């Protein structure tokens, strides 16, 4: 059983995150979703809102302008319409 997974977050302009993380929370189309290592395969629409993640190097918070997320084989890929890091 894995204790981390890879998070990659992209906007049309740039890559915002490429990190090993332990947990991700984001605003899904039907409410907030949480992703942990070994999560079941998932493809979902993301609503505009915060995406937070936690890893060994600390935690991070992004403000996304909506998009899509795919989780598969301990990799979460987020394609966001827009995004920026929050303090």
PDB file of N, CA and C in Angstrom:
ATOM      1  N   UNK A   1       0.841  -1.182   0.000  1.00  0.00           N
ATOM      2  CA  UNK A   1       0.000   0.000   0.000  1.00  0.00           C
ATOM      3  C   UNK A   1       0.887   1.246   0.000  1.00  0.00           C
ATOM      4  N   UNK A   2       0.615   2.144  -0.921  1.00  0.00           N
ATOM      5  CA  UNK A   2       1.397   3.377  -1.036  1.00  0.00           C
ATOM      6  C   UNK A   2       0.999   4.366   0.056  1.00  0.00           C
ATOM      7  N   UNK A   3       1.929   5.238   0.431  1.00  0.00           N
ATOM      8  CA  UNK A   3       1.590   6.277   1.393  1.00  0.00           C
ATOM      9  C   UNK A   3       1.661   7.668   0.762  1.00  0.00           C
ATOM     10  N   UNK A   4       1.981   7.729  -0.537  1.00  0.00           N
ATOM     11  CA  UNK A   4       2.025   8.986  -1.276  1.00  0.00           C
ATOM     12  C   UNK A   4       1.543   8.737  -2.701  1.00  0.00           C
ATOM     13  N   UNK A   5       1.194   9.822  -3.366  1.00  0.00           N
ATOM     14  CA  UNK A   5       0.884   9.750  -4.782  1.00  0.00           C
ATOM     15  C   UNK A   5       1.323  11.055  -5.438  1.00  0.00           C
ATOM     16  N   UNK A   6       1.406  11.057  -6.749  1.00  0.00           N
ATOM     17  CA  UNK A   6       1.874  12.228  -7.494  1.00  0.00           C
ATOM     18  C   UNK A   6       0.679  13.117  -7.829  1.00  0.00           C
ATOM     19  N   UNK A   7       0.847  14.419  -7.599  1.00  0.00           N
ATOM     20  CA  UNK A   7      -0.139  15.431  -7.976  1.00  0.00           C
ATOM     21  C   UNK A   7       0.483  16.325  -9.027  1.00  0.00           C
ATOM     22  N   UNK A   8      -0.224  16.474 -10.152  1.00  0.00           N
ATOM     23  CA  UNK A   8       0.207  17.389 -11.212  1.00  0.00           C
ATOM     24  C   UNK A   8      -0.970  18.298 -11.534  1.00  0.00           C
ATOM     25  N   UNK A   9      -0.737  19.602 -11.482  1.00  0.00           N
ATOM     26  CA  UNK A   9      -1.779  20.584 -11.764  1.00  0.00           C
ATOM     27  C   UNK A   9      -1.288  21.486 -12.889  1.00  0.00           C
ATOM     28  N   UNK A  10      -2.087  21.588 -13.956  1.00  0.00           N
ATOM     29  CA  UNK A  10      -1.734  22.382 -15.125  1.00  0.00           C
ATOM     30  C   UNK A  10      -2.832  23.392 -15.441  1.00  0.00           C
ATOM     31  N   UNK A  11      -2.424  24.567 -15.917  1.00  0.00           N
ATOM     32  CA  UNK A  11      -3.325  25.532 -16.540  1.00  0.00           C
ATOM     33  C   UNK A  11      -2.864  25.662 -17.993  1.00  0.00           C
ATOM     34  N   UNK A  12      -3.618  26.351 -18.833  1.00  0.00           N
ATOM     35  CA  UNK A  12      -3.145  26.532 -20.212  1.00  0.00           C
ATOM     36  C   UNK A  12      -1.801  27.262 -20.291  1.00  0.00           C
ATOM     37  N   UNK A  13      -1.477  28.058 -19.279  1.00  0.00           N
ATOM     38  CA  UNK A  13      -0.248  28.835 -19.306  1.00  0.00           C
ATOM     39  C   UNK A  13       0.968  28.121 -18.724  1.00  0.00           C
ATOM     40  N   UNK A  14       0.748  27.270 -17.686  1.00  0.00           N
ATOM     41  CA  UNK A  14       1.917  26.701 -17.004  1.00  0.00           C
ATOM     42  C   UNK A  14       1.531  25.525 -16.097  1.00  0.00           C
ATOM     43  N   UNK A  15       2.579  24.870 -15.588  1.00  0.00           N
ATOM     44  CA  UNK A  15       2.411  23.830 -14.579  1.00  0.00           C
ATOM     45  C   UNK A  15       2.468  24.503 -13.209  1.00  0.00           C
ATOM     46  N   UNK A  16       1.448  24.277 -12.388  1.00  0.00           N
ATOM     47  CA  UNK A  16       1.407  24.872 -11.053  1.00  0.00           C
ATOM     48  C   UNK A  16       2.028  23.975  -9.998  1.00  0.00           C
ATOM     49  N   UNK A  17       1.820  22.657 -10.111  1.00  0.00           N
ATOM     50  CA  UNK A  17       2.317  21.718  -9.100  1.00  0.00           C
ATOM     51  C   UNK A  17       2.750  20.425  -9.778  1.00  0.00           C
ATOM     52  N   UNK A  18       3.854  19.877  -9.325  1.00  0.00           N
ATOM     53  CA  UNK A  18       4.279  18.517  -9.650  1.00  0.00           C
ATOM     54  C   UNK A  18       4.978  18.019  -8.392  1.00  0.00           C
ATOM     55  N   UNK A  19       4.238  17.291  -7.551  1.00  0.00           N
ATOM     56  CA  UNK A  19       4.767  16.933  -6.232  1.00  0.00           C
ATOM     57  C   UNK A  19       4.214  15.598  -5.757  1.00  0.00           C
ATOM     58  N   UNK A  20       4.971  14.966  -4.863  1.00  0.00           N
ATOM     59  CA  UNK A  20       4.506  13.783  -4.147  1.00  0.00           C
ATOM     60  C   UNK A  20       3.701  14.275  -2.943  1.00  0.00           C
ATOM     61  N   UNK A  21       2.470  13.802  -2.809  1.00  0.00           N
ATOM     62  CA  UNK A  21       1.593  14.276  -1.740  1.00  0.00           C
ATOM     63  C   UNK A  21       0.949  13.092  -1.023  1.00  0.00           C
ATOM     64  N   UNK A  22       0.362  13.389   0.117  1.00  0.00           N
ATOM     65  CA  UNK A  22      -0.341  12.376   0.911  1.00  0.00           C
ATOM     66  C   UNK A  22      -1.862  12.540   0.836  1.00  0.00           C
ATOM     67  N   UNK A  23      -2.311  13.759   0.488  1.00  0.00           N
ATOM     68  CA  UNK A  23      -3.745  14.040   0.512  1.00  0.00           C
ATOM     69  C   UNK A  23      -4.043  15.249  -0.363  1.00  0.00           C
ATOM     70  N   UNK A  24      -5.176  15.213  -1.079  1.00  0.00           N
ATOM     71  CA  UNK A  24      -5.659  16.343  -1.880  1.00  0.00           C
ATOM     72  C   UNK A  24      -7.137  16.519  -1.615  1.00  0.00           C
ATOM     73  N   UNK A  25      -7.561  17.767  -1.509  1.00  0.00           N
ATOM     74  CA  UNK A  25      -8.981  18.102  -1.380  1.00  0.00           C
ATOM     75  C   UNK A  25      -9.304  19.151  -2.435  1.00  0.00           C
ATOM     76  N   UNK A  26     -10.434  18.969  -3.147  1.00  0.00           N
ATOM     77  CA  UNK A  26     -10.831  19.903  -4.200  1.00  0.00           C
ATOM     78  C   UNK A  26     -12.351  19.978  -4.274  1.00  0.00           C
ATOM     79  N   UNK A  27     -12.829  20.996  -4.979  1.00  0.00           N
ATOM     80  CA  UNK A  27     -14.264  21.203  -5.150  1.00  0.00           C
ATOM     81  C   UNK A  27     -14.749  20.453  -6.386  1.00  0.00           C
ATOM     82  N   UNK A  28     -15.410  19.316  -6.174  1.00  0.00           N
ATOM     83  CA  UNK A  28     -15.955  18.538  -7.272  1.00  0.00           C
ATOM     84  C   UNK A  28     -17.319  19.068  -7.699  1.00  0.00           C
ATOM     85  N   UNK A  29     -17.844  18.536  -8.769  1.00  0.00           N
ATOM     86  CA  UNK A  29     -19.131  18.980  -9.298  1.00  0.00           C
ATOM     87  C   UNK A  29     -20.276  18.722  -8.320  1.00  0.00           C
ATOM     88  N   UNK A  30     -20.164  17.685  -7.482  1.00  0.00           N
ATOM     89  CA  UNK A  30     -21.224  17.337  -6.534  1.00  0.00           C
ATOM     90  C   UNK A  30     -20.763  17.469  -5.098  1.00  0.00           C
ATOM     91  N   UNK A  31     -19.818  18.348  -4.855  1.00  0.00           N
ATOM     92  CA  UNK A  31     -19.323  18.557  -3.502  1.00  0.00           C
ATOM     93  C   UNK A  31     -17.830  18.342  -3.420  1.00  0.00           C
ATOM     94  N   UNK A  32     -17.295  18.552  -2.249  1.00  0.00           N
ATOM     95  CA  UNK A  32     -15.860  18.443  -2.033  1.00  0.00           C
ATOM     96  C   UNK A  32     -15.404  16.989  -2.137  1.00  0.00           C
ATOM     97  N   UNK A  33     -14.264  16.778  -2.795  1.00  0.00           N
ATOM     98  CA  UNK A  33     -13.705  15.432  -2.909  1.00  0.00           C
ATOM     99  C   UNK A  33     -12.360  15.392  -2.196  1.00  0.00           C
ATOM    100  N   UNK A  34     -12.036  14.240  -1.667  1.00  0.00           N
ATOM    101  CA  UNK A  34     -10.748  14.001  -1.041  1.00  0.00           C
ATOM    102  C   UNK A  34     -10.088  12.820  -1.709  1.00  0.00           C
ATOM    103  N   UNK A  35      -8.802  12.931  -1.951  1.00  0.00           N
ATOM    104  CA  UNK A  35      -8.045  11.863  -2.607  1.00  0.00           C
ATOM    105  C   UNK A  35      -6.872  11.487  -1.715  1.00  0.00           C
ATOM    106  N   UNK A  36      -6.731  10.195  -1.481  1.00  0.00           N
ATOM    107  CA  UNK A  36      -5.638   9.619  -0.701  1.00  0.00           C
ATOM    108  C   UNK A  36      -4.896   8.606  -1.569  1.00  0.00           C
ATOM    109  N   UNK A  37      -3.720   8.140  -1.141  1.00  0.00           N
ATOM    110  CA  UNK A  37      -3.018   7.113  -1.908  1.00  0.00           C
ATOM    111  C   UNK A  37      -3.897   5.885  -2.154  1.00  0.00           C
ATOM    112  N   UNK A  38      -3.697   5.257  -3.304  1.00  0.00           N
ATOM    113  CA  UNK A  38      -4.440   4.067  -3.732  1.00  0.00           C
ATOM    114  C   UNK A  38      -5.927   4.343  -3.933  1.00  0.00           C
ATOM    115  N   UNK A  39      -6.276   5.577  -4.258  1.00  0.00           N
ATOM    116  CA  UNK A  39      -7.670   5.942  -4.524  1.00  0.00           C
ATOM    117  C   UNK A  39      -8.152   5.213  -5.773  1.00  0.00           C
ATOM    118  N   UNK A  40      -9.424   4.886  -5.817  1.00  0.00           N
ATOM    119  CA  UNK A  40     -10.027   4.260  -6.993  1.00  0.00           C
ATOM    120  C   UNK A  40      -9.949   5.220  -8.178  1.00  0.00           C
ATOM    121  N   UNK A  41      -9.923   4.666  -9.378  1.00  0.00           N
ATOM    122  CA  UNK A  41      -9.889   5.496 -10.580  1.00  0.00           C
ATOM    123  C   UNK A  41     -11.091   6.433 -10.590  1.00  0.00           C
ATOM    124  N   UNK A  42     -10.842   7.678 -11.016  1.00  0.00           N
ATOM    125  CA  UNK A  42     -11.875   8.709 -10.947  1.00  0.00           C
ATOM    126  C   UNK A  42     -11.621   9.741 -12.025  1.00  0.00           C
ATOM    127  N   UNK A  43     -12.682  10.189 -12.685  1.00  0.00           N
ATOM    128  CA  UNK A  43     -12.636  11.313 -13.603  1.00  0.00           C
ATOM    129  C   UNK A  43     -13.786  12.216 -13.209  1.00  0.00           C
ATOM    130  N   UNK A  44     -13.506  13.500 -12.906  1.00  0.00           N
ATOM    131  CA  UNK A  44     -14.546  14.393 -12.415  1.00  0.00           C
ATOM    132  C   UNK A  44     -14.337  15.815 -12.897  1.00  0.00           C
ATOM    133  N   UNK A  45     -15.431  16.553 -12.943  1.00  0.00           N
ATOM    134  CA  UNK A  45     -15.390  17.992 -13.201  1.00  0.00           C
ATOM    135  C   UNK A  45     -15.059  18.679 -11.890  1.00  0.00           C
ATOM    136  N   UNK A  46     -14.222  19.712 -11.952  1.00  0.00           N
ATOM    137  CA  UNK A  46     -13.923  20.518 -10.769  1.00  0.00           C
ATOM    138  C   UNK A  46     -14.585  21.880 -10.906  1.00  0.00           C
ATOM    139  N   UNK A  47     -15.233  22.307  -9.856  1.00  0.00           N
ATOM    140  CA  UNK A  47     -15.838  23.628  -9.807  1.00  0.00           C
ATOM    141  C   UNK A  47     -14.776  24.646  -9.398  1.00  0.00           C
ATOM    142  N   UNK A  48     -14.975  25.920  -9.723  1.00  0.00           N
ATOM    143  CA  UNK A  48     -14.043  26.935  -9.237  1.00  0.00           C
ATOM    144  C   UNK A  48     -13.969  26.896  -7.708  1.00  0.00           C
ATOM    145  N   UNK A  49     -12.767  26.986  -7.179  1.00  0.00           N
ATOM    146  CA  UNK A  49     -12.594  26.952  -5.729  1.00  0.00           C
ATOM    147  C   UNK A  49     -11.207  26.498  -5.357  1.00  0.00           C
ATOM    148  N   UNK A  50     -10.978  26.284  -4.069  1.00  0.00           N
ATOM    149  CA  UNK A  50      -9.635  25.911  -3.604  1.00  0.00           C
ATOM    150  C   UNK A  50      -9.314  24.432  -3.835  1.00  0.00           C
ATOM    151  N   UNK A  51      -8.049  24.175  -4.074  1.00  0.00           N
ATOM    152  CA  UNK A  51      -7.495  22.828  -4.076  1.00  0.00           C
ATOM    153  C   UNK A  51      -6.372  22.873  -3.051  1.00  0.00           C
ATOM    154  N   UNK A  52      -6.451  21.994  -2.065  1.00  0.00           N
ATOM    155  CA  UNK A  52      -5.405  21.938  -1.044  1.00  0.00           C
ATOM    156  C   UNK A  52      -4.724  20.584  -1.104  1.00  0.00           C
ATOM    157  N   UNK A  53      -3.442  20.576  -0.766  1.00  0.00           N
ATOM    158  CA  UNK A  53      -2.702  19.316  -0.741  1.00  0.00           C
ATOM    159  C   UNK A  53      -1.714  19.341   0.412  1.00  0.00           C
ATOM    160  N   UNK A  54      -1.361  18.135   0.856  1.00  0.00           N
ATOM    161  CA  UNK A  54      -0.437  17.976   1.974  1.00  0.00           C
ATOM    162  C   UNK A  54       0.569  16.896   1.616  1.00  0.00           C
ATOM    163  N   UNK A  55       1.839  17.205   1.842  1.00  0.00           N
ATOM    164  CA  UNK A  55       2.899  16.254   1.564  1.00  0.00           C
ATOM    165  C   UNK A  55       4.000  16.381   2.595  1.00  0.00           C
ATOM    166  N   UNK A  56       5.092  15.659   2.382  1.00  0.00           N
ATOM    167  CA  UNK A  56       6.220  15.697   3.315  1.00  0.00           C
ATOM    168  C   UNK A  56       6.866  17.080   3.368  1.00  0.00           C
ATOM    169  N   UNK A  57       6.828  17.800   2.250  1.00  0.00           N
ATOM    170  CA  UNK A  57       7.458  19.122   2.186  1.00  0.00           C
ATOM    171  C   UNK A  57       6.532  20.228   2.683  1.00  0.00           C
ATOM    172  N   UNK A  58       5.406  19.869   3.249  1.00  0.00           N
ATOM    173  CA  UNK A  58       4.449  20.869   3.734  1.00  0.00           C
ATOM    174  C   UNK A  58       3.148  20.794   2.959  1.00  0.00           C
ATOM    175  N   UNK A  59       2.373  21.838   3.089  1.00  0.00           N
ATOM    176  CA  UNK A  59       1.083  21.848   2.413  1.00  0.00           C
ATOM    177  C   UNK A  59       1.020  23.023   1.452  1.00  0.00           C
ATOM    178  N   UNK A  60       0.053  22.957   0.549  1.00  0.00           N
ATOM    179  CA  UNK A  60      -0.127  24.019  -0.425  1.00  0.00           C
ATOM    180  C   UNK A  60      -1.599  24.240  -0.682  1.00  0.00           C
ATOM    181  N   UNK A  61      -1.896  25.414  -1.195  1.00  0.00           N
ATOM    182  CA  UNK A  61      -3.281  25.764  -1.488  1.00  0.00           C
ATOM    183  C   UNK A  61      -3.300  26.560  -2.794  1.00  0.00           C
ATOM    184  N   UNK A  62      -4.168  26.137  -3.707  1.00  0.00           N
ATOM    185  CA  UNK A  62      -4.347  26.806  -4.981  1.00  0.00           C
ATOM    186  C   UNK A  62      -5.789  27.274  -5.107  1.00  0.00           C
ATOM    187  N   UNK A  63      -5.989  28.341  -5.842  1.00  0.00           N
ATOM    188  CA  UNK A  63      -7.339  28.761  -6.214  1.00  0.00           C
ATOM    189  C   UNK A  63      -7.495  28.425  -7.692  1.00  0.00           C
ATOM    190  N   UNK A  64      -8.412  27.509  -8.009  1.00  0.00           N
ATOM    191  CA  UNK A  64      -8.608  27.068  -9.382  1.00  0.00           C
ATOM    192  C   UNK A  64      -9.878  27.679  -9.961  1.00  0.00           C
ATOM    193  N   UNK A  65      -9.856  27.888 -11.258  1.00  0.00           N
ATOM    194  CA  UNK A  65     -11.022  28.430 -11.950  1.00  0.00           C
ATOM    195  C   UNK A  65     -11.852  27.349 -12.609  1.00  0.00           C
ATOM    196  N   UNK A  66     -11.912  26.176 -12.015  1.00  0.00           N
ATOM    197  CA  UNK A  66     -12.661  25.061 -12.589  1.00  0.00           C
ATOM    198  C   UNK A  66     -11.788  24.245 -13.517  1.00  0.00           C
ATOM    199  N   UNK A  67     -12.277  23.079 -13.911  1.00  0.00           N
ATOM    200  CA  UNK A  67     -11.525  22.213 -14.803  1.00  0.00           C
ATOM    201  C   UNK A  67     -11.913  20.762 -14.623  1.00  0.00           C
ATOM    202  N   UNK A  68     -10.930  19.884 -14.795  1.00  0.00           N
ATOM    203  CA  UNK A  68     -11.144  18.442 -14.704  1.00  0.00           C
ATOM    204  C   UNK A  68     -10.028  17.811 -13.891  1.00  0.00           C
ATOM    205  N   UNK A  69     -10.342  16.691 -13.243  1.00  0.00           N
ATOM    206  CA  UNK A  69      -9.340  15.922 -12.511  1.00  0.00           C
ATOM    207  C   UNK A  69      -9.477  14.451 -12.860  1.00  0.00           C
ATOM    208  N   UNK A  70      -8.336  13.794 -13.010  1.00  0.00           N
ATOM    209  CA  UNK A  70      -8.298  12.351 -13.222  1.00  0.00           C
ATOM    210  C   UNK A  70      -7.388  11.757 -12.164  1.00  0.00           C
ATOM    211  N   UNK A  71      -7.853  10.685 -11.546  1.00  0.00           N
ATOM    212  CA  UNK A  71      -7.047   9.934 -10.584  1.00  0.00           C
ATOM    213  C   UNK A  71      -6.924   8.516 -11.129  1.00  0.00           C
ATOM    214  N   UNK A  72      -5.664   8.047 -11.228  1.00  0.00           N
ATOM    215  CA  UNK A  72      -5.433   6.689 -11.722  1.00  0.00           C
ATOM    216  C   UNK A  72      -4.010   6.279 -11.399  1.00  0.00           C
ATOM    217  N   UNK A  73      -3.846   5.087 -10.872  1.00  0.00           N
ATOM    218  CA  UNK A  73      -2.519   4.513 -10.604  1.00  0.00           C
ATOM    219  C   UNK A  73      -1.637   5.450  -9.777  1.00  0.00           C
ATOM    220  N   UNK A  74      -2.200   5.993  -8.689  1.00  0.00           N
ATOM    221  CA  UNK A  74      -1.470   6.885  -7.775  1.00  0.00           C
ATOM    222  C   UNK A  74      -0.911   8.124  -8.479  1.00  0.00           C
ATOM    223  N   UNK A  75      -1.680   8.629  -9.428  1.00  0.00           N
ATOM    224  CA  UNK A  75      -1.380   9.888 -10.108  1.00  0.00           C
ATOM    225  C   UNK A  75      -2.681  10.672 -10.221  1.00  0.00           C
ATOM    226  N   UNK A  76      -2.686  11.894  -9.714  1.00  0.00           N
ATOM    227  CA  UNK A  76      -3.831  12.792  -9.882  1.00  0.00           C
ATOM    228  C   UNK A  76      -3.394  13.922 -10.794  1.00  0.00           C
ATOM    229  N   UNK A  77      -4.069  14.028 -11.936  1.00  0.00           N
ATOM    230  CA  UNK A  77      -3.785  15.076 -12.908  1.00  0.00           C
ATOM    231  C   UNK A  77      -4.960  16.029 -12.934  1.00  0.00           C
ATOM    232  N   UNK A  78      -4.672  17.314 -12.762  1.00  0.00           N
ATOM    233  CA  UNK A  78      -5.707  18.344 -12.785  1.00  0.00           C
ATOM    234  C   UNK A  78      -5.418  19.266 -13.969  1.00  0.00           C
ATOM    235  N   UNK A  79      -6.430  19.431 -14.821  1.00  0.00           N
ATOM    236  CA  UNK A  79      -6.372  20.387 -15.923  1.00  0.00           C
ATOM    237  C   UNK A  79      -7.336  21.506 -15.566  1.00  0.00           C
ATOM    238  N   UNK A  80      -6.793  22.654 -15.188  1.00  0.00           N
ATOM    239  CA  UNK A  80      -7.607  23.762 -14.700  1.00  0.00           C
ATOM    240  C   UNK A  80      -7.676  24.875 -15.737  1.00  0.00           C
ATOM    241  N   UNK A  81      -8.823  25.545 -15.785  1.00  0.00           N
ATOM    242  CA  UNK A  81      -8.995  26.685 -16.679  1.00  0.00           C
ATOM    243  C   UNK A  81      -8.055  27.821 -16.292  1.00  0.00           C
ATOM    244  N   UNK A  82      -7.881  28.010 -14.996  1.00  0.00           N
ATOM    245  CA  UNK A  82      -6.958  29.018 -14.471  1.00  0.00           C
ATOM    246  C   UNK A  82      -6.587  28.604 -13.054  1.00  0.00           C
ATOM    247  N   UNK A  83      -5.543  29.197 -12.523  1.00  0.00           N
ATOM    248  CA  UNK A  83      -5.142  28.858 -11.162  1.00  0.00           C
ATOM    249  C   UNK A  83      -4.001  29.730 -10.674  1.00  0.00           C
ATOM    250  N   UNK A  84      -3.941  29.872  -9.355  1.00  0.00           N
ATOM    251  CA  UNK A  84      -2.856  30.607  -8.728  1.00  0.00           C
ATOM    252  C   UNK A  84      -2.653  30.079  -7.326  1.00  0.00           C
ATOM    253  N   UNK A  85      -1.420  30.185  -6.857  1.00  0.00           N
ATOM    254  CA  UNK A  85      -1.098  29.760  -5.499  1.00  0.00           C
ATOM    255  C   UNK A  85      -1.659  30.772  -4.504  1.00  0.00           C
ATOM    256  N   UNK A  86      -2.179  30.264  -3.396  1.00  0.00           N
ATOM    257  CA  UNK A  86      -2.669  31.112  -2.315  1.00  0.00           C
ATOM    258  C   UNK A  86      -1.676  31.053  -1.170  1.00  0.00           C
ATOM    259  N   UNK A  87      -1.466  32.208  -0.524  1.00  0.00           N
ATOM    260  CA  UNK A  87      -0.551  32.378   0.590  1.00  0.00           C
ATOM    261  C   UNK A  87      -0.332  31.207   1.390  1.00  0.00           C
TER     262      UNK A  87
END
